[in-house]
Amino acid sequence: MCLAVPAKVVEINDQLASVEVQGVRRAASMMLLPEARVGDYVLVHAGFAMQIVDHEEAERIEALRAEMRGAPRTVESLG
């Protein structure tokens, strides 16, 4: 199973972006998603930004990931 993680784009330099996931910054290629801009939330898989998602969707995905790690169920409270 493959899992794409939502990340916030904090900086773009040519086709390489710095993205942030839960306070951790990593590099991600923007080659597949050149329309993404700083401040956008993107799904990142294997080092590539693959899709733009809105902030609410990114929050829902993060809540589901937290549940997979044993956090209390929170997805319903996100609306």
PDB file of N, CA and C in Angstrom:
ATOM      1  N   MET A   1       0.844  -1.179   0.000  1.00  0.00           N
ATOM      2  CA  MET A   1       0.000   0.000   0.000  1.00  0.00           C
ATOM      3  C   MET A   1       0.889   1.241   0.000  1.00  0.00           C
ATOM      4  N   CYS A   2       0.502   2.212  -0.772  1.00  0.00           N
ATOM      5  CA  CYS A   2       1.225   3.487  -0.837  1.00  0.00           C
ATOM      6  C   CYS A   2       0.398   4.550  -0.130  1.00  0.00           C
ATOM      7  N   LEU A   3       1.077   5.490   0.477  1.00  0.00           N
ATOM      8  CA  LEU A   3       0.393   6.533   1.208  1.00  0.00           C
ATOM      9  C   LEU A   3       1.004   7.883   0.867  1.00  0.00           C
ATOM     10  N   ALA A   4       0.174   8.793   0.392  1.00  0.00           N
ATOM     11  CA  ALA A   4       0.619  10.162   0.144  1.00  0.00           C
ATOM     12  C   ALA A   4       0.291  10.984   1.390  1.00  0.00           C
ATOM     13  N   VAL A   5       1.204  11.849   1.773  1.00  0.00           N
ATOM     14  CA  VAL A   5       1.072  12.629   3.003  1.00  0.00           C
ATOM     15  C   VAL A   5       0.822  14.091   2.646  1.00  0.00           C
ATOM     16  N   PRO A   6      -0.158  14.747   3.290  1.00  0.00           N
ATOM     17  CA  PRO A   6      -0.372  16.165   3.028  1.00  0.00           C
ATOM     18  C   PRO A   6       0.748  16.996   3.652  1.00  0.00           C
ATOM     19  N   ALA A   7       1.214  17.974   2.904  1.00  0.00           N
ATOM     20  CA  ALA A   7       2.286  18.845   3.370  1.00  0.00           C
ATOM     21  C   ALA A   7       2.018  20.263   2.879  1.00  0.00           C
ATOM     22  N   LYS A   8       2.453  21.239   3.655  1.00  0.00           N
ATOM     23  CA  LYS A   8       2.296  22.645   3.266  1.00  0.00           C
ATOM     24  C   LYS A   8       3.562  23.096   2.556  1.00  0.00           C
ATOM     25  N   VAL A   9       3.393  23.715   1.407  1.00  0.00           N
ATOM     26  CA  VAL A   9       4.531  24.241   0.649  1.00  0.00           C
ATOM     27  C   VAL A   9       4.984  25.532   1.324  1.00  0.00           C
ATOM     28  N   VAL A  10       6.237  25.562   1.774  1.00  0.00           N
ATOM     29  CA  VAL A  10       6.747  26.752   2.461  1.00  0.00           C
ATOM     30  C   VAL A  10       7.761  27.528   1.626  1.00  0.00           C
ATOM     31  N   GLU A  11       8.335  26.887   0.634  1.00  0.00           N
ATOM     32  CA  GLU A  11       9.303  27.567  -0.229  1.00  0.00           C
ATOM     33  C   GLU A  11       9.421  26.781  -1.528  1.00  0.00           C
ATOM     34  N   ILE A  12       9.574  27.499  -2.635  1.00  0.00           N
ATOM     35  CA  ILE A  12       9.788  26.851  -3.931  1.00  0.00           C
ATOM     36  C   ILE A  12      11.002  27.477  -4.580  1.00  0.00           C
ATOM     37  N   ASN A  13      11.907  26.632  -5.035  1.00  0.00           N
ATOM     38  CA  ASN A  13      13.094  27.069  -5.742  1.00  0.00           C
ATOM     39  C   ASN A  13      13.206  26.229  -7.006  1.00  0.00           C
ATOM     40  N   ASP A  14      12.804  26.808  -8.121  1.00  0.00           N
ATOM     41  CA  ASP A  14      12.760  26.105  -9.400  1.00  0.00           C
ATOM     42  C   ASP A  14      11.755  24.963  -9.291  1.00  0.00           C
ATOM     43  N   GLN A  15      12.181  23.717  -9.466  1.00  0.00           N
ATOM     44  CA  GLN A  15      11.253  22.586  -9.382  1.00  0.00           C
ATOM     45  C   GLN A  15      11.373  21.825  -8.064  1.00  0.00           C
ATOM     46  N   LEU A  16      12.039  22.401  -7.084  1.00  0.00           N
ATOM     47  CA  LEU A  16      12.198  21.766  -5.783  1.00  0.00           C
ATOM     48  C   LEU A  16      11.567  22.650  -4.715  1.00  0.00           C
ATOM     49  N   ALA A  17      10.737  22.035  -3.885  1.00  0.00           N
ATOM     50  CA  ALA A  17      10.064  22.789  -2.835  1.00  0.00           C
ATOM     51  C   ALA A  17      10.503  22.289  -1.471  1.00  0.00           C
ATOM     52  N   SER A  18      10.373  23.170  -0.502  1.00  0.00           N
ATOM     53  CA  SER A  18      10.492  22.786   0.897  1.00  0.00           C
ATOM     54  C   SER A  18       9.060  22.684   1.392  1.00  0.00           C
ATOM     55  N   VAL A  19       8.698  21.500   1.891  1.00  0.00           N
ATOM     56  CA  VAL A  19       7.340  21.280   2.390  1.00  0.00           C
ATOM     57  C   VAL A  19       7.417  20.918   3.861  1.00  0.00           C
ATOM     58  N   GLU A  20       6.336  21.204   4.585  1.00  0.00           N
ATOM     59  CA  GLU A  20       6.321  20.969   6.027  1.00  0.00           C
ATOM     60  C   GLU A  20       5.193  20.030   6.400  1.00  0.00           C
ATOM     61  N   VAL A  21       5.539  19.005   7.186  1.00  0.00           N
ATOM     62  CA  VAL A  21       4.571  18.046   7.719  1.00  0.00           C
ATOM     63  C   VAL A  21       4.771  17.995   9.223  1.00  0.00           C
ATOM     64  N   GLN A  22       3.781  18.440   9.981  1.00  0.00           N
ATOM     65  CA  GLN A  22       3.835  18.448  11.444  1.00  0.00           C
ATOM     66  C   GLN A  22       5.130  19.071  11.969  1.00  0.00           C
ATOM     67  N   GLY A  23       5.511  20.187  11.395  1.00  0.00           N
ATOM     68  CA  GLY A  23       6.686  20.922  11.847  1.00  0.00           C
ATOM     69  C   GLY A  23       8.017  20.446  11.290  1.00  0.00           C
ATOM     70  N   VAL A  24       8.008  19.376  10.512  1.00  0.00           N
ATOM     71  CA  VAL A  24       9.235  18.842   9.920  1.00  0.00           C
ATOM     72  C   VAL A  24       9.291  19.234   8.450  1.00  0.00           C
ATOM     73  N   ARG A  25      10.400  19.812   8.048  1.00  0.00           N
ATOM     74  CA  ARG A  25      10.560  20.219   6.642  1.00  0.00           C
ATOM     75  C   ARG A  25      11.332  19.178   5.856  1.00  0.00           C
ATOM     76  N   ARG A  26      10.872  18.989   4.636  1.00  0.00           N
ATOM     77  CA  ARG A  26      11.516  18.047   3.719  1.00  0.00           C
ATOM     78  C   ARG A  26      11.482  18.644   2.317  1.00  0.00           C
ATOM     79  N   ALA A  27      12.303  18.094   1.452  1.00  0.00           N
ATOM     80  CA  ALA A  27      12.303  18.511   0.046  1.00  0.00           C
ATOM     81  C   ALA A  27      11.299  17.666  -0.723  1.00  0.00           C
ATOM     82  N   ALA A  28      10.654  18.291  -1.693  1.00  0.00           N
ATOM     83  CA  ALA A  28       9.721  17.581  -2.571  1.00  0.00           C
ATOM     84  C   ALA A  28       9.843  18.160  -3.971  1.00  0.00           C
ATOM     85  N   SER A  29       9.843  17.292  -4.944  1.00  0.00           N
ATOM     86  CA  SER A  29       9.890  17.726  -6.336  1.00  0.00           C
ATOM     87  C   SER A  29       8.532  18.279  -6.748  1.00  0.00           C
ATOM     88  N   MET A  30       8.548  19.391  -7.460  1.00  0.00           N
ATOM     89  CA  MET A  30       7.326  19.993  -7.979  1.00  0.00           C
ATOM     90  C   MET A  30       7.154  19.692  -9.473  1.00  0.00           C
ATOM     91  N   MET A  31       7.968  18.794  -9.983  1.00  0.00           N
ATOM     92  CA  MET A  31       7.959  18.477 -11.403  1.00  0.00           C
ATOM     93  C   MET A  31       6.564  18.055 -11.887  1.00  0.00           C
ATOM     94  N   LEU A  32       5.820  17.319 -11.071  1.00  0.00           N
ATOM     95  CA  LEU A  32       4.500  16.836 -11.471  1.00  0.00           C
ATOM     96  C   LEU A  32       3.382  17.821 -11.154  1.00  0.00           C
ATOM     97  N   LEU A  33       3.704  18.893 -10.440  1.00  0.00           N
ATOM     98  CA  LEU A  33       2.681  19.838  -9.990  1.00  0.00           C
ATOM     99  C   LEU A  33       3.185  21.277 -10.061  1.00  0.00           C
ATOM    100  N   PRO A  34       3.551  21.736 -11.264  1.00  0.00           N
ATOM    101  CA  PRO A  34       4.156  23.068 -11.382  1.00  0.00           C
ATOM    102  C   PRO A  34       3.219  24.213 -11.012  1.00  0.00           C
ATOM    103  N   GLU A  35       1.911  23.960 -10.944  1.00  0.00           N
ATOM    104  CA  GLU A  35       0.965  25.031 -10.614  1.00  0.00           C
ATOM    105  C   GLU A  35       0.868  25.304  -9.112  1.00  0.00           C
ATOM    106  N   ALA A  36       1.458  24.463  -8.278  1.00  0.00           N
ATOM    107  CA  ALA A  36       1.417  24.661  -6.827  1.00  0.00           C
ATOM    108  C   ALA A  36       2.201  25.910  -6.433  1.00  0.00           C
ATOM    109  N   ARG A  37       1.727  26.583  -5.406  1.00  0.00           N
ATOM    110  CA  ARG A  37       2.340  27.817  -4.926  1.00  0.00           C
ATOM    111  C   ARG A  37       2.624  27.716  -3.429  1.00  0.00           C
ATOM    112  N   VAL A  38       3.482  28.599  -2.934  1.00  0.00           N
ATOM    113  CA  VAL A  38       3.767  28.676  -1.508  1.00  0.00           C
ATOM    114  C   VAL A  38       2.444  28.900  -0.773  1.00  0.00           C
ATOM    115  N   GLY A  39       2.228  28.129   0.296  1.00  0.00           N
ATOM    116  CA  GLY A  39       0.996  28.206   1.071  1.00  0.00           C
ATOM    117  C   GLY A  39       0.001  27.118   0.717  1.00  0.00           C
ATOM    118  N   ASP A  40       0.153  26.498  -0.457  1.00  0.00           N
ATOM    119  CA  ASP A  40      -0.728  25.397  -0.847  1.00  0.00           C
ATOM    120  C   ASP A  40      -0.423  24.156  -0.025  1.00  0.00           C
ATOM    121  N   TYR A  41      -1.419  23.326   0.142  1.00  0.00           N
ATOM    122  CA  TYR A  41      -1.227  21.996   0.712  1.00  0.00           C
ATOM    123  C   TYR A  41      -1.201  21.009  -0.444  1.00  0.00           C
ATOM    124  N   VAL A  42      -0.226  20.136  -0.430  1.00  0.00           N
ATOM    125  CA  VAL A  42      -0.070  19.160  -1.508  1.00  0.00           C
ATOM    126  C   VAL A  42       0.081  17.770  -0.909  1.00  0.00           C
ATOM    127  N   LEU A  43      -0.321  16.757  -1.676  1.00  0.00           N
ATOM    128  CA  LEU A  43      -0.064  15.380  -1.281  1.00  0.00           C
ATOM    129  C   LEU A  43       1.291  14.994  -1.822  1.00  0.00           C
ATOM    130  N   VAL A  44       2.154  14.473  -0.949  1.00  0.00           N
ATOM    131  CA  VAL A  44       3.515  14.106  -1.319  1.00  0.00           C
ATOM    132  C   VAL A  44       3.680  12.596  -1.173  1.00  0.00           C
ATOM    133  N   HIS A  45       4.191  11.982  -2.210  1.00  0.00           N
ATOM    134  CA  HIS A  45       4.497  10.554  -2.183  1.00  0.00           C
ATOM    135  C   HIS A  45       5.847  10.336  -2.853  1.00  0.00           C
ATOM    136  N   ALA A  46       6.705   9.604  -2.193  1.00  0.00           N
ATOM    137  CA  ALA A  46       8.028   9.259  -2.728  1.00  0.00           C
ATOM    138  C   ALA A  46       8.808  10.497  -3.176  1.00  0.00           C
ATOM    139  N   GLY A  47       8.629  11.607  -2.435  1.00  0.00           N
ATOM    140  CA  GLY A  47       9.389  12.812  -2.723  1.00  0.00           C
ATOM    141  C   GLY A  47       8.820  13.693  -3.824  1.00  0.00           C
ATOM    142  N   PHE A  48       7.620  13.369  -4.316  1.00  0.00           N
ATOM    143  CA  PHE A  48       6.989  14.152  -5.373  1.00  0.00           C
ATOM    144  C   PHE A  48       5.653  14.706  -4.899  1.00  0.00           C
ATOM    145  N   ALA A  49       5.420  16.008  -5.112  1.00  0.00           N
ATOM    146  CA  ALA A  49       4.106  16.596  -4.886  1.00  0.00           C
ATOM    147  C   ALA A  49       3.222  16.131  -6.035  1.00  0.00           C
ATOM    148  N   MET A  50       2.056  15.546  -5.687  1.00  0.00           N
ATOM    149  CA  MET A  50       1.232  14.911  -6.714  1.00  0.00           C
ATOM    150  C   MET A  50      -0.137  15.553  -6.912  1.00  0.00           C
ATOM    151  N   GLN A  51      -0.643  16.249  -5.887  1.00  0.00           N
ATOM    152  CA  GLN A  51      -1.983  16.822  -5.987  1.00  0.00           C
ATOM    153  C   GLN A  51      -2.128  17.940  -4.976  1.00  0.00           C
ATOM    154  N   ILE A  52      -2.814  19.006  -5.356  1.00  0.00           N
ATOM    155  CA  ILE A  52      -3.136  20.083  -4.421  1.00  0.00           C
ATOM    156  C   ILE A  52      -4.422  19.698  -3.700  1.00  0.00           C
ATOM    157  N   VAL A  53      -4.436  19.893  -2.375  1.00  0.00           N
ATOM    158  CA  VAL A  53      -5.641  19.662  -1.582  1.00  0.00           C
ATOM    159  C   VAL A  53      -5.904  20.907  -0.747  1.00  0.00           C
ATOM    160  N   ASP A  54      -7.177  21.111  -0.361  1.00  0.00           N
ATOM    161  CA  ASP A  54      -7.458  22.282   0.472  1.00  0.00           C
ATOM    162  C   ASP A  54      -7.074  21.987   1.929  1.00  0.00           C
ATOM    163  N   HIS A  55      -7.024  23.043   2.707  1.00  0.00           N
ATOM    164  CA  HIS A  55      -6.581  22.946   4.100  1.00  0.00           C
ATOM    165  C   HIS A  55      -7.439  21.952   4.900  1.00  0.00           C
ATOM    166  N   GLU A  56      -8.749  21.978   4.688  1.00  0.00           N
ATOM    167  CA  GLU A  56      -9.644  21.092   5.423  1.00  0.00           C
ATOM    168  C   GLU A  56      -9.371  19.622   5.097  1.00  0.00           C
ATOM    169  N   GLU A  57      -9.132  19.318   3.835  1.00  0.00           N
ATOM    170  CA  GLU A  57      -8.814  17.942   3.443  1.00  0.00           C
ATOM    171  C   GLU A  57      -7.484  17.506   4.063  1.00  0.00           C
ATOM    172  N   ALA A  58      -6.498  18.399   4.079  1.00  0.00           N
ATOM    173  CA  ALA A  58      -5.215  18.082   4.709  1.00  0.00           C
ATOM    174  C   ALA A  58      -5.412  17.775   6.192  1.00  0.00           C
ATOM    175  N   GLU A  59      -6.269  18.532   6.881  1.00  0.00           N
ATOM    176  CA  GLU A  59      -6.552  18.277   8.299  1.00  0.00           C
ATOM    177  C   GLU A  59      -7.215  16.922   8.498  1.00  0.00           C
ATOM    178  N   ARG A  60      -8.174  16.569   7.627  1.00  0.00           N
ATOM    179  CA  ARG A  60      -8.849  15.274   7.739  1.00  0.00           C
ATOM    180  C   ARG A  60      -7.857  14.122   7.555  1.00  0.00           C
ATOM    181  N   ILE A  61      -6.979  14.261   6.579  1.00  0.00           N
ATOM    182  CA  ILE A  61      -5.987  13.207   6.339  1.00  0.00           C
ATOM    183  C   ILE A  61      -5.056  13.075   7.534  1.00  0.00           C
ATOM    184  N   GLU A  62      -4.611  14.201   8.088  1.00  0.00           N
ATOM    185  CA  GLU A  62      -3.731  14.152   9.261  1.00  0.00           C
ATOM    186  C   GLU A  62      -4.444  13.530  10.455  1.00  0.00           C
ATOM    187  N   ALA A  63      -5.743  13.804  10.623  1.00  0.00           N
ATOM    188  CA  ALA A  63      -6.503  13.197  11.721  1.00  0.00           C
ATOM    189  C   ALA A  63      -6.577  11.686  11.538  1.00  0.00           C
ATOM    190  N   LEU A  64      -6.783  11.233  10.321  1.00  0.00           N
ATOM    191  CA  LEU A  64      -6.809   9.789  10.052  1.00  0.00           C
ATOM    192  C   LEU A  64      -5.449   9.155  10.318  1.00  0.00           C
ATOM    193  N   ARG A  65      -4.382   9.834   9.925  1.00  0.00           N
ATOM    194  CA  ARG A  65      -3.034   9.308  10.191  1.00  0.00           C
ATOM    195  C   ARG A  65      -2.780   9.216  11.695  1.00  0.00           C
ATOM    196  N   ALA A  66      -3.251  10.203  12.441  1.00  0.00           N
ATOM    197  CA  ALA A  66      -3.092  10.179  13.894  1.00  0.00           C
ATOM    198  C   ALA A  66      -3.859   8.994  14.493  1.00  0.00           C
ATOM    199  N   GLU A  67      -5.065   8.740  13.994  1.00  0.00           N
ATOM    200  CA  GLU A  67      -5.842   7.595  14.467  1.00  0.00           C
ATOM    201  C   GLU A  67      -5.109   6.283  14.192  1.00  0.00           C
ATOM    202  N   MET A  68      -4.453   6.190  13.046  1.00  0.00           N
ATOM    203  CA  MET A  68      -3.708   4.971  12.726  1.00  0.00           C
ATOM    204  C   MET A  68      -2.567   4.758  13.718  1.00  0.00           C
ATOM    205  N   ARG A  69      -2.074   5.847  14.308  1.00  0.00           N
ATOM    206  CA  ARG A  69      -0.994   5.755  15.299  1.00  0.00           C
ATOM    207  C   ARG A  69      -1.545   5.613  16.717  1.00  0.00           C
ATOM    208  N   GLY A  70      -2.877   5.489  16.857  1.00  0.00           N
ATOM    209  CA  GLY A  70      -3.465   5.251  18.170  1.00  0.00           C
ATOM    210  C   GLY A  70      -4.119   6.444  18.829  1.00  0.00           C
ATOM    211  N   ALA A  71      -4.215   7.567  18.153  1.00  0.00           N
ATOM    212  CA  ALA A  71      -4.867   8.740  18.740  1.00  0.00           C
ATOM    213  C   ALA A  71      -6.375   8.498  18.834  1.00  0.00           C
ATOM    214  N   PRO A  72      -7.060   9.198  19.747  1.00  0.00           N
ATOM    215  CA  PRO A  72      -8.516   9.074  19.825  1.00  0.00           C
ATOM    216  C   PRO A  72      -9.164   9.496  18.508  1.00  0.00           C
ATOM    217  N   ARG A  73     -10.334   8.945  18.237  1.00  0.00           N
ATOM    218  CA  ARG A  73     -11.044   9.255  16.996  1.00  0.00           C
ATOM    219  C   ARG A  73     -11.425  10.723  16.965  1.00  0.00           C
ATOM    220  N   THR A  74     -11.008  11.442  15.890  1.00  0.00           N
ATOM    221  CA  THR A  74     -11.279  12.878  15.774  1.00  0.00           C
ATOM    222  C   THR A  74     -11.869  13.259  14.437  1.00  0.00           C
ATOM    223  N   VAL A  75     -11.905  12.346  13.493  1.00  0.00           N
ATOM    224  CA  VAL A  75     -12.309  12.689  12.127  1.00  0.00           C
ATOM    225  C   VAL A  75     -13.710  13.269  12.084  1.00  0.00           C
ATOM    226  N   GLU A  76     -14.656  12.701  12.850  1.00  0.00           N
ATOM    227  CA  GLU A  76     -16.025  13.219  12.819  1.00  0.00           C
ATOM    228  C   GLU A  76     -16.096  14.658  13.297  1.00  0.00           C
ATOM    229  N   SER A  77     -15.253  15.051  14.234  1.00  0.00           N
ATOM    230  CA  SER A  77     -15.295  16.398  14.774  1.00  0.00           C
ATOM    231  C   SER A  77     -14.796  17.442  13.785  1.00  0.00           C
ATOM    232  N   LEU A  78     -14.162  17.009  12.698  1.00  0.00           N
ATOM    233  CA  LEU A  78     -13.665  17.960  11.704  1.00  0.00           C
ATOM    234  C   LEU A  78     -14.735  18.382  10.715  1.00  0.00           C
ATOM    235  N   GLY A  79     -15.891  17.760  10.762  1.00  0.00           N
ATOM    236  CA  GLY A  79     -16.987  18.178   9.903  1.00  0.00           C
ATOM    237  C   GLY A  79     -16.993  17.427   8.665  1.00  0.00           C
TER     238      GLY A  79
END
